[in-house]
PDB file of N, CA and C in Angstrom:
ATOM      1  N   UNK A   1      26.301  -7.706  -5.650  1.00  0.00           N
ATOM      2  CA  UNK A   1      24.973  -7.157  -5.838  1.00  0.00           C
ATOM      3  C   UNK A   1      23.923  -8.110  -5.272  1.00  0.00           C
ATOM      4  N   UNK A   2      24.109  -9.410  -5.517  1.00  0.00           N
ATOM      5  CA  UNK A   2      23.158 -10.386  -5.006  1.00  0.00           C
ATOM      6  C   UNK A   2      23.199 -10.437  -3.477  1.00  0.00           C
ATOM      7  N   UNK A   3      24.390 -10.239  -2.933  1.00  0.00           N
ATOM      8  CA  UNK A   3      24.543 -10.253  -1.476  1.00  0.00           C
ATOM      9  C   UNK A   3      23.747  -9.114  -0.844  1.00  0.00           C
ATOM     10  N   UNK A   4      23.820  -7.947  -1.448  1.00  0.00           N
ATOM     11  CA  UNK A   4      23.089  -6.801  -0.931  1.00  0.00           C
ATOM     12  C   UNK A   4      21.589  -7.049  -1.009  1.00  0.00           C
ATOM     13  N   UNK A   5      21.141  -7.626  -2.114  1.00  0.00           N
ATOM     14  CA  UNK A   5      19.710  -7.920  -2.266  1.00  0.00           C
ATOM     15  C   UNK A   5      19.255  -8.940  -1.230  1.00  0.00           C
ATOM     16  N   UNK A   6      20.068  -9.954  -0.982  1.00  0.00           N
ATOM     17  CA  UNK A   6      19.719 -10.973   0.013  1.00  0.00           C
ATOM     18  C   UNK A   6      19.671 -10.378   1.417  1.00  0.00           C
ATOM     19  N   UNK A   7      20.641  -9.536   1.725  1.00  0.00           N
ATOM     20  CA  UNK A   7      20.656  -8.912   3.044  1.00  0.00           C
ATOM     21  C   UNK A   7      19.465  -7.973   3.243  1.00  0.00           C
ATOM     22  N   UNK A   8      19.137  -7.215   2.224  1.00  0.00           N
ATOM     23  CA  UNK A   8      17.987  -6.307   2.358  1.00  0.00           C
ATOM     24  C   UNK A   8      16.686  -7.097   2.498  1.00  0.00           C
ATOM     25  N   UNK A   9      16.589  -8.222   1.798  1.00  0.00           N
ATOM     26  CA  UNK A   9      15.405  -9.074   1.923  1.00  0.00           C
ATOM     27  C   UNK A   9      15.313  -9.644   3.333  1.00  0.00           C
ATOM     28  N   UNK A  10      16.429 -10.075   3.889  1.00  0.00           N
ATOM     29  CA  UNK A  10      16.446 -10.628   5.241  1.00  0.00           C
ATOM     30  C   UNK A  10      16.051  -9.569   6.269  1.00  0.00           C
ATOM     31  N   UNK A  11      16.507  -8.340   6.073  1.00  0.00           N
ATOM     32  CA  UNK A  11      16.150  -7.259   6.993  1.00  0.00           C
ATOM     33  C   UNK A  11      14.659  -6.969   6.914  1.00  0.00           C
ATOM     34  N   UNK A  12      14.109  -6.965   5.709  1.00  0.00           N
ATOM     35  CA  UNK A  12      12.675  -6.708   5.553  1.00  0.00           C
ATOM     36  C   UNK A  12      11.849  -7.807   6.209  1.00  0.00           C
ATOM     37  N   UNK A  13      12.274  -9.046   6.067  1.00  0.00           N
ATOM     38  CA  UNK A  13      11.541 -10.165   6.671  1.00  0.00           C
ATOM     39  C   UNK A  13      11.589 -10.078   8.195  1.00  0.00           C
ATOM     40  N   UNK A  14      12.734  -9.710   8.735  1.00  0.00           N
ATOM     41  CA  UNK A  14      12.876  -9.576  10.178  1.00  0.00           C
ATOM     42  C   UNK A  14      12.008  -8.428  10.698  1.00  0.00           C
ATOM     43  N   UNK A  15      11.978  -7.328   9.966  1.00  0.00           N
ATOM     44  CA  UNK A  15      11.175  -6.180  10.376  1.00  0.00           C
ATOM     45  C   UNK A  15       9.694  -6.513  10.350  1.00  0.00           C
ATOM     46  N   UNK A  16       9.253  -7.250   9.326  1.00  0.00           N
ATOM     47  CA  UNK A  16       7.829  -7.588   9.262  1.00  0.00           C
ATOM     48  C   UNK A  16       7.454  -8.572  10.363  1.00  0.00           C
ATOM     49  N   UNK A  17       8.345  -9.485  10.722  1.00  0.00           N
ATOM     50  CA  UNK A  17       8.074 -10.425  11.803  1.00  0.00           C
ATOM     51  C   UNK A  17       8.007  -9.687  13.139  1.00  0.00           C
ATOM     52  N   UNK A  18       8.858  -8.692  13.314  1.00  0.00           N
ATOM     53  CA  UNK A  18       8.846  -7.904  14.539  1.00  0.00           C
ATOM     54  C   UNK A  18       7.558  -7.093  14.637  1.00  0.00           C
ATOM     55  N   UNK A  19       7.112  -6.521  13.526  1.00  0.00           N
ATOM     56  CA  UNK A  19       5.873  -5.743  13.528  1.00  0.00           C
ATOM     57  C   UNK A  19       4.672  -6.635  13.834  1.00  0.00           C
ATOM     58  N   UNK A  20       4.666  -7.838  13.306  1.00  0.00           N
ATOM     59  CA  UNK A  20       3.565  -8.758  13.573  1.00  0.00           C
ATOM     60  C   UNK A  20       3.557  -9.183  15.038  1.00  0.00           C
ATOM     61  N   UNK A  21       4.718  -9.334  15.618  1.00  0.00           N
ATOM     62  CA  UNK A  21       4.807  -9.738  17.017  1.00  0.00           C
ATOM     63  C   UNK A  21       4.429  -8.579  17.944  1.00  0.00           C
ATOM     64  N   UNK A  22       4.535  -7.361  17.457  1.00  0.00           N
ATOM     65  CA  UNK A  22       4.260  -6.196  18.283  1.00  0.00           C
ATOM     66  C   UNK A  22       2.765  -5.942  18.460  1.00  0.00           C
ATOM     67  N   UNK A  23       1.921  -6.572  17.637  1.00  0.00           N
ATOM     68  CA  UNK A  23       0.479  -6.354  17.773  1.00  0.00           C
ATOM     69  C   UNK A  23       0.004  -6.929  19.093  1.00  0.00           C
ATOM     70  N   UNK A  24      -0.913  -6.204  19.694  1.00  0.00           N
ATOM     71  CA  UNK A  24      -1.421  -6.616  20.999  1.00  0.00           C
ATOM     72  C   UNK A  24      -2.437  -7.741  20.835  1.00  0.00           C
ATOM     73  N   UNK A  25      -2.438  -8.647  21.793  1.00  0.00           N
ATOM     74  CA  UNK A  25      -3.426  -9.712  21.833  1.00  0.00           C
ATOM     75  C   UNK A  25      -4.448  -9.347  22.897  1.00  0.00           C
ATOM     76  N   UNK A  26      -5.438  -8.593  22.506  1.00  0.00           N
ATOM     77  CA  UNK A  26      -6.414  -8.045  23.457  1.00  0.00           C
ATOM     78  C   UNK A  26      -7.260  -9.126  24.113  1.00  0.00           C
ATOM     79  N   UNK A  27      -7.513 -10.188  23.412  1.00  0.00           N
ATOM     80  CA  UNK A  27      -8.409 -11.197  23.970  1.00  0.00           C
ATOM     81  C   UNK A  27      -7.831 -11.886  25.199  1.00  0.00           C
ATOM     82  N   UNK A  28      -6.530 -11.798  25.405  1.00  0.00           N
ATOM     83  CA  UNK A  28      -5.905 -12.441  26.553  1.00  0.00           C
ATOM     84  C   UNK A  28      -5.854 -11.538  27.790  1.00  0.00           C
ATOM     85  N   UNK A  29      -6.268 -10.289  27.655  1.00  0.00           N
ATOM     86  CA  UNK A  29      -6.284  -9.364  28.788  1.00  0.00           C
ATOM     87  C   UNK A  29      -7.542  -9.641  29.597  1.00  0.00           C
ATOM     88  N   UNK A  30      -7.363  -9.919  30.866  1.00  0.00           N
ATOM     89  CA  UNK A  30      -8.493 -10.314  31.696  1.00  0.00           C
ATOM     90  C   UNK A  30      -9.326  -9.135  32.177  1.00  0.00           C
ATOM     91  N   UNK A  31      -8.712  -8.037  32.534  1.00  0.00           N
ATOM     92  CA  UNK A  31      -9.446  -6.873  33.045  1.00  0.00           C
ATOM     93  C   UNK A  31     -10.216  -6.215  31.895  1.00  0.00           C
ATOM     94  N   UNK A  32     -11.520  -6.072  32.080  1.00  0.00           N
ATOM     95  CA  UNK A  32     -12.379  -5.551  31.017  1.00  0.00           C
ATOM     96  C   UNK A  32     -12.000  -4.141  30.567  1.00  0.00           C
ATOM     97  N   UNK A  33     -11.765  -3.181  31.450  1.00  0.00           N
ATOM     98  CA  UNK A  33     -11.409  -1.821  30.970  1.00  0.00           C
ATOM     99  C   UNK A  33     -10.114  -1.812  30.161  1.00  0.00           C
ATOM    100  N   UNK A  34      -9.135  -2.597  30.593  1.00  0.00           N
ATOM    101  CA  UNK A  34      -7.865  -2.660  29.857  1.00  0.00           C
ATOM    102  C   UNK A  34      -8.062  -3.324  28.498  1.00  0.00           C
ATOM    103  N   UNK A  35      -8.878  -4.372  28.464  1.00  0.00           N
ATOM    104  CA  UNK A  35      -9.143  -5.078  27.214  1.00  0.00           C
ATOM    105  C   UNK A  35      -9.864  -4.153  26.228  1.00  0.00           C
ATOM    106  N   UNK A  36     -10.853  -3.400  26.712  1.00  0.00           N
ATOM    107  CA  UNK A  36     -11.577  -2.480  25.840  1.00  0.00           C
ATOM    108  C   UNK A  36     -10.676  -1.347  25.352  1.00  0.00           C
ATOM    109  N   UNK A  37      -9.780  -0.892  26.203  1.00  0.00           N
ATOM    110  CA  UNK A  37      -8.816   0.137  25.785  1.00  0.00           C
ATOM    111  C   UNK A  37      -7.890  -0.415  24.702  1.00  0.00           C
ATOM    112  N   UNK A  38      -7.522  -1.669  24.852  1.00  0.00           N
ATOM    113  CA  UNK A  38      -6.681  -2.327  23.851  1.00  0.00           C
ATOM    114  C   UNK A  38      -7.404  -2.389  22.505  1.00  0.00           C
ATOM    115  N   UNK A  39      -8.671  -2.783  22.545  1.00  0.00           N
ATOM    116  CA  UNK A  39      -9.457  -2.838  21.313  1.00  0.00           C
ATOM    117  C   UNK A  39      -9.595  -1.452  20.683  1.00  0.00           C
ATOM    118  N   UNK A  40      -9.737  -0.428  21.493  1.00  0.00           N
ATOM    119  CA  UNK A  40      -9.832   0.934  20.974  1.00  0.00           C
ATOM    120  C   UNK A  40      -8.531   1.345  20.272  1.00  0.00           C
ATOM    121  N   UNK A  41      -7.392   1.015  20.889  1.00  0.00           N
ATOM    122  CA  UNK A  41      -6.100   1.341  20.264  1.00  0.00           C
ATOM    123  C   UNK A  41      -5.951   0.622  18.926  1.00  0.00           C
ATOM    124  N   UNK A  42      -6.367  -0.633  18.881  1.00  0.00           N
ATOM    125  CA  UNK A  42      -6.276  -1.377  17.625  1.00  0.00           C
ATOM    126  C   UNK A  42      -7.190  -0.788  16.560  1.00  0.00           C
ATOM    127  N   UNK A  43      -8.357  -0.354  16.952  1.00  0.00           N
ATOM    128  CA  UNK A  43      -9.297   0.244  16.002  1.00  0.00           C
ATOM    129  C   UNK A  43      -8.735   1.536  15.423  1.00  0.00           C
ATOM    130  N   UNK A  44      -8.126   2.360  16.260  1.00  0.00           N
ATOM    131  CA  UNK A  44      -7.520   3.607  15.782  1.00  0.00           C
ATOM    132  C   UNK A  44      -6.372   3.294  14.817  1.00  0.00           C
ATOM    133  N   UNK A  45      -5.552   2.314  15.155  1.00  0.00           N
ATOM    134  CA  UNK A  45      -4.433   1.943  14.287  1.00  0.00           C
ATOM    135  C   UNK A  45      -4.945   1.385  12.953  1.00  0.00           C
ATOM    136  N   UNK A  46      -6.001   0.570  13.002  1.00  0.00           N
ATOM    137  CA  UNK A  46      -6.563  -0.006  11.783  1.00  0.00           C
ATOM    138  C   UNK A  46      -7.130   1.094  10.888  1.00  0.00           C
ATOM    139  N   UNK A  47      -7.829   2.051  11.477  1.00  0.00           N
ATOM    140  CA  UNK A  47      -8.396   3.160  10.705  1.00  0.00           C
ATOM    141  C   UNK A  47      -7.286   3.981  10.049  1.00  0.00           C
ATOM    142  N   UNK A  48      -6.198   4.202  10.765  1.00  0.00           N
ATOM    143  CA  UNK A  48      -5.072   4.963  10.205  1.00  0.00           C
ATOM    144  C   UNK A  48      -4.440   4.210   9.034  1.00  0.00           C
ATOM    145  N   UNK A  49      -4.261   2.896   9.187  1.00  0.00           N
ATOM    146  CA  UNK A  49      -3.704   2.092   8.087  1.00  0.00           C
ATOM    147  C   UNK A  49      -4.621   2.109   6.878  1.00  0.00           C
ATOM    148  N   UNK A  50      -5.929   1.993   7.112  1.00  0.00           N
ATOM    149  CA  UNK A  50      -6.885   1.990   6.015  1.00  0.00           C
ATOM    150  C   UNK A  50      -6.873   3.330   5.282  1.00  0.00           C
ATOM    151  N   UNK A  51      -6.805   4.416   6.035  1.00  0.00           N
ATOM    152  CA  UNK A  51      -6.770   5.744   5.426  1.00  0.00           C
ATOM    153  C   UNK A  51      -5.492   5.923   4.595  1.00  0.00           C
ATOM    154  N   UNK A  52      -4.375   5.432   5.119  1.00  0.00           N
ATOM    155  CA  UNK A  52      -3.114   5.528   4.382  1.00  0.00           C
ATOM    156  C   UNK A  52      -3.171   4.694   3.101  1.00  0.00           C
ATOM    157  N   UNK A  53      -3.772   3.510   3.174  1.00  0.00           N
ATOM    158  CA  UNK A  53      -3.897   2.668   1.985  1.00  0.00           C
ATOM    159  C   UNK A  53      -4.795   3.320   0.941  1.00  0.00           C
ATOM    160  N   UNK A  54      -5.895   3.932   1.366  1.00  0.00           N
ATOM    161  CA  UNK A  54      -6.778   4.613   0.421  1.00  0.00           C
ATOM    162  C   UNK A  54      -6.066   5.787  -0.236  1.00  0.00           C
ATOM    163  N   UNK A  55      -5.275   6.525   0.531  1.00  0.00           N
ATOM    164  CA  UNK A  55      -4.529   7.649  -0.029  1.00  0.00           C
ATOM    165  C   UNK A  55      -3.491   7.157  -1.030  1.00  0.00           C
ATOM    166  N   UNK A  56      -2.832   6.057  -0.706  1.00  0.00           N
ATOM    167  CA  UNK A  56      -1.832   5.488  -1.609  1.00  0.00           C
ATOM    168  C   UNK A  56      -2.487   5.014  -2.904  1.00  0.00           C
ATOM    169  N   UNK A  57      -3.648   4.370  -2.810  1.00  0.00           N
ATOM    170  CA  UNK A  57      -4.347   3.905  -4.008  1.00  0.00           C
ATOM    171  C   UNK A  57      -4.805   5.080  -4.865  1.00  0.00           C
ATOM    172  N   UNK A  58      -5.295   6.133  -4.238  1.00  0.00           N
ATOM    173  CA  UNK A  58      -5.722   7.309  -4.979  1.00  0.00           C
ATOM    174  C   UNK A  58      -4.541   7.957  -5.695  1.00  0.00           C
ATOM    175  N   UNK A  59      -3.398   7.987  -5.049  1.00  0.00           N
ATOM    176  CA  UNK A  59      -2.198   8.558  -5.655  1.00  0.00           C
ATOM    177  C   UNK A  59      -1.752   7.730  -6.850  1.00  0.00           C
ATOM    178  N   UNK A  60      -1.825   6.412  -6.730  1.00  0.00           N
ATOM    179  CA  UNK A  60      -1.427   5.534  -7.832  1.00  0.00           C
ATOM    180  C   UNK A  60      -2.372   5.691  -9.012  1.00  0.00           C
ATOM    181  N   UNK A  61      -3.647   5.869  -8.773  1.00  0.00           N
ATOM    182  CA  UNK A  61      -4.602   6.037  -9.862  1.00  0.00           C
ATOM    183  C   UNK A  61      -4.367   7.355 -10.580  1.00  0.00           C
ATOM    184  N   UNK A  62      -3.988   8.387  -9.865  1.00  0.00           N
ATOM    185  CA  UNK A  62      -3.743   9.685 -10.485  1.00  0.00           C
ATOM    186  C   UNK A  62      -2.521   9.659 -11.384  1.00  0.00           C
ATOM    187  N   UNK A  63      -1.559   8.812 -11.095  1.00  0.00           N
ATOM    188  CA  UNK A  63      -0.343   8.790 -11.895  1.00  0.00           C
ATOM    189  C   UNK A  63      -0.607   8.321 -13.317  1.00  0.00           C
ATOM    190  N   UNK A  64      -1.695   7.605 -13.565  1.00  0.00           N
ATOM    191  CA  UNK A  64      -1.998   7.100 -14.899  1.00  0.00           C
ATOM    192  C   UNK A  64      -2.832   8.083 -15.716  1.00  0.00           C
ATOM    193  N   UNK A  65      -3.404   9.089 -15.100  1.00  0.00           N
ATOM    194  CA  UNK A  65      -4.239  10.040 -15.813  1.00  0.00           C
ATOM    195  C   UNK A  65      -3.499  10.793 -16.923  1.00  0.00           C
ATOM    196  N   UNK A  66      -2.263  11.267 -16.714  1.00  0.00           N
ATOM    197  CA  UNK A  66      -1.577  11.963 -17.802  1.00  0.00           C
ATOM    198  C   UNK A  66      -1.336  11.062 -19.015  1.00  0.00           C
ATOM    199  N   UNK A  67      -1.197   9.788 -18.816  1.00  0.00           N
ATOM    200  CA  UNK A  67      -0.977   8.875 -19.928  1.00  0.00           C
ATOM    201  C   UNK A  67      -2.201   8.803 -20.832  1.00  0.00           C
ATOM    202  N   UNK A  68      -3.400   8.893 -20.278  1.00  0.00           N
ATOM    203  CA  UNK A  68      -4.593   8.836 -21.111  1.00  0.00           C
ATOM    204  C   UNK A  68      -4.645  10.031 -22.052  1.00  0.00           C
ATOM    205  N   UNK A  69      -4.224  11.190 -21.598  1.00  0.00           N
ATOM    206  CA  UNK A  69      -4.204  12.372 -22.459  1.00  0.00           C
ATOM    207  C   UNK A  69      -3.168  12.179 -23.568  1.00  0.00           C
ATOM    208  N   UNK A  70      -2.005  11.647 -23.219  1.00  0.00           N
ATOM    209  CA  UNK A  70      -0.973  11.400 -24.225  1.00  0.00           C
ATOM    210  C   UNK A  70      -1.427  10.331 -25.211  1.00  0.00           C
ATOM    211  N   UNK A  71      -2.122   9.314 -24.724  1.00  0.00           N
ATOM    212  CA  UNK A  71      -2.629   8.264 -25.604  1.00  0.00           C
ATOM    213  C   UNK A  71      -3.649   8.827 -26.589  1.00  0.00           C
ATOM    214  N   UNK A  72      -4.504   9.721 -26.131  1.00  0.00           N
ATOM    215  CA  UNK A  72      -5.495  10.332 -27.011  1.00  0.00           C
ATOM    216  C   UNK A  72      -4.815  11.166 -28.099  1.00  0.00           C
ATOM    217  N   UNK A  73      -3.766  11.899 -27.738  1.00  0.00           N
ATOM    218  CA  UNK A  73      -3.041  12.693 -28.731  1.00  0.00           C
ATOM    219  C   UNK A  73      -2.355  11.795 -29.746  1.00  0.00           C
ATOM    220  N   UNK A  74      -1.790  10.685 -29.292  1.00  0.00           N
ATOM    221  CA  UNK A  74      -1.126   9.752 -30.200  1.00  0.00           C
ATOM    222  C   UNK A  74      -2.132   9.105 -31.142  1.00  0.00           C
ATOM    223  N   UNK A  75      -3.288   8.707 -30.628  1.00  0.00           N
ATOM    224  CA  UNK A  75      -4.307   8.092 -31.461  1.00  0.00           C
ATOM    225  C   UNK A  75      -4.787   9.071 -32.522  1.00  0.00           C
ATOM    226  N   UNK A  76      -4.920  10.340 -32.158  1.00  0.00           N
ATOM    227  CA  UNK A  76      -5.342  11.371 -33.114  1.00  0.00           C
ATOM    228  C   UNK A  76      -4.298  11.539 -34.211  1.00  0.00           C
ATOM    229  N   UNK A  77      -3.014  11.498 -33.830  1.00  0.00           N
ATOM    230  CA  UNK A  77      -1.943  11.652 -34.812  1.00  0.00           C
ATOM    231  C   UNK A  77      -1.854  10.441 -35.729  1.00  0.00           C
ATOM    232  N   UNK A  78      -2.100   9.254 -35.218  1.00  0.00           N
ATOM    233  CA  UNK A  78      -1.994   8.031 -36.004  1.00  0.00           C
ATOM    234  C   UNK A  78      -3.146   7.920 -36.988  1.00  0.00           C
ATOM    235  N   UNK A  79      -4.309   8.464 -36.657  1.00  0.00           N
ATOM    236  CA  UNK A  79      -5.468   8.369 -37.544  1.00  0.00           C
ATOM    237  C   UNK A  79      -5.181   8.927 -38.944  1.00  0.00           C
ATOM    238  N   UNK A  80      -4.331   9.889 -39.032  1.00  0.00           N
ATOM    239  CA  UNK A  80      -4.044  10.511 -40.314  1.00  0.00           C
ATOM    240  C   UNK A  80      -3.057   9.729 -41.168  1.00  0.00           C
ATOM    241  N   UNK A  81      -2.436   8.719 -40.619  1.00  0.00           N
ATOM    242  CA  UNK A  81      -1.430   7.949 -41.370  1.00  0.00           C
ATOM    243  C   UNK A  81      -2.150   6.925 -42.235  1.00  0.00           C
ATOM    244  N   UNK A  82      -1.750   6.840 -43.488  1.00  0.00           N
ATOM    245  CA  UNK A  82      -2.355   5.885 -44.423  1.00  0.00           C
ATOM    246  C   UNK A  82      -1.793   4.506 -44.119  1.00  0.00           C
ATOM    247  N   UNK A  83      -2.677   3.546 -43.941  1.00  0.00           N
ATOM    248  CA  UNK A  83      -2.254   2.168 -43.647  1.00  0.00           C
ATOM    249  C   UNK A  83      -2.489   1.293 -44.877  1.00  0.00           C
ATOM    250  N   UNK A  84      -1.412   0.787 -45.422  1.00  0.00           N
ATOM    251  CA  UNK A  84      -1.522  -0.173 -46.526  1.00  0.00           C
ATOM    252  C   UNK A  84      -1.856   0.423 -47.873  1.00  0.00           C
ATOM    253  N   UNK A  85      -1.534   1.692 -48.106  1.00  0.00           N
ATOM    254  CA  UNK A  85      -1.822   2.302 -49.396  1.00  0.00           C
ATOM    255  C   UNK A  85      -0.942   1.762 -50.476  1.00  0.00           C
TER     256      UNK A  85
END
Protein backbone atom coordinates (compact mmCIF):
# COMPACT_ATOMS: atom_id res chain seq x y z
CA UNK A 1 0.00 0.00 0.00
CA UNK A 2 2.83 2.38 0.85
CA UNK A 3 4.54 1.52 -2.42
CA UNK A 4 1.46 2.51 -4.40
CA UNK A 5 1.18 5.78 -2.49
CA UNK A 6 4.86 6.57 -3.11
CA UNK A 7 4.57 5.79 -6.80
CA UNK A 8 1.45 7.91 -7.22
CA UNK A 9 3.17 10.78 -5.40
CA UNK A 10 6.19 10.48 -7.70
CA UNK A 11 3.95 10.53 -10.77
CA UNK A 12 2.14 13.63 -9.53
CA UNK A 13 5.44 15.42 -8.87
CA UNK A 14 6.72 14.54 -12.33
CA UNK A 15 3.49 15.73 -13.95
CA UNK A 16 3.57 19.05 -12.11
CA UNK A 17 7.22 19.60 -13.08
CA UNK A 18 6.36 18.87 -16.71
CA UNK A 19 3.43 21.31 -16.61
CA UNK A 20 5.63 24.02 -15.13
CA UNK A 21 8.25 23.46 -17.81
CA UNK A 22 5.59 23.65 -20.52
CA UNK A 23 4.75 27.30 -19.76
CA UNK A 24 6.02 29.67 -22.38
CA UNK A 25 8.69 32.21 -21.57
CA UNK A 26 7.35 35.13 -23.59
CA UNK A 27 9.94 37.62 -22.47
CA UNK A 28 12.66 35.74 -24.35
CA UNK A 29 10.86 35.98 -27.72
CA UNK A 30 12.53 38.71 -29.72
CA UNK A 31 9.91 39.32 -32.44
CA UNK A 32 7.28 41.70 -31.06
CA UNK A 33 4.19 40.18 -32.78
CA UNK A 34 5.14 36.68 -31.64
CA UNK A 35 5.85 37.90 -28.10
CA UNK A 36 2.48 39.69 -27.92
CA UNK A 37 0.72 36.59 -29.24
CA UNK A 38 2.46 34.59 -26.54
CA UNK A 39 1.24 37.01 -23.88
CA UNK A 40 -2.29 36.76 -25.28
CA UNK A 41 -2.22 32.95 -25.07
CA UNK A 42 -1.02 33.14 -21.47
CA UNK A 43 -3.76 35.61 -20.59
CA UNK A 44 -6.45 33.34 -22.04
CA UNK A 45 -5.03 30.35 -20.15
CA UNK A 46 -4.84 32.36 -16.90
CA UNK A 47 -8.45 33.52 -17.28
CA UNK A 48 -9.59 29.93 -17.87
CA UNK A 49 -7.73 28.71 -14.77
CA UNK A 50 -9.18 31.53 -12.68
CA UNK A 51 -12.71 30.77 -13.88
CA UNK A 52 -12.25 27.07 -13.09
CA UNK A 53 -10.95 27.91 -9.61
CA UNK A 54 -13.91 30.21 -8.93
CA UNK A 55 -16.32 27.49 -10.06
CA UNK A 56 -14.58 24.95 -7.84
CA UNK A 57 -14.75 27.29 -4.83
CA UNK A 58 -18.43 27.98 -5.44
CA UNK A 59 -19.12 24.25 -5.63
CA UNK A 60 -17.27 23.63 -2.37
CA UNK A 61 -19.23 26.36 -0.60
CA UNK A 62 -22.53 24.88 -1.77
CA UNK A 63 -21.68 21.49 -0.32
CA UNK A 64 -21.85 22.92 3.22
CA UNK A 65 -25.27 24.53 2.83
CA UNK A 66 -27.30 21.35 3.54
CA UNK A 67 -25.40 20.91 6.80
CA UNK A 68 -26.61 24.28 8.10
CA UNK A 69 -30.22 23.18 7.65
CA UNK A 70 -29.50 19.90 9.46
CA UNK A 71 -27.68 21.79 12.22
CA UNK A 72 -30.68 24.07 12.70
CA UNK A 73 -33.02 21.07 12.99
CA UNK A 74 -30.70 19.42 15.52
CA UNK A 75 -30.43 22.59 17.60
CA UNK A 76 -34.24 22.87 17.63
CA UNK A 77 -34.55 19.26 18.79
CA UNK A 78 -31.91 19.67 21.51
CA UNK A 79 -33.57 22.79 22.94
CA UNK A 80 -36.38 20.68 24.33
CA UNK A 81 -34.07 18.35 26.27
CA UNK A 82 -33.79 19.11 29.98
CA UNK A 83 -30.17 19.68 30.99
CA UNK A 84 -29.23 18.89 34.57
CA UNK A 85 -32.72 18.39 36.00
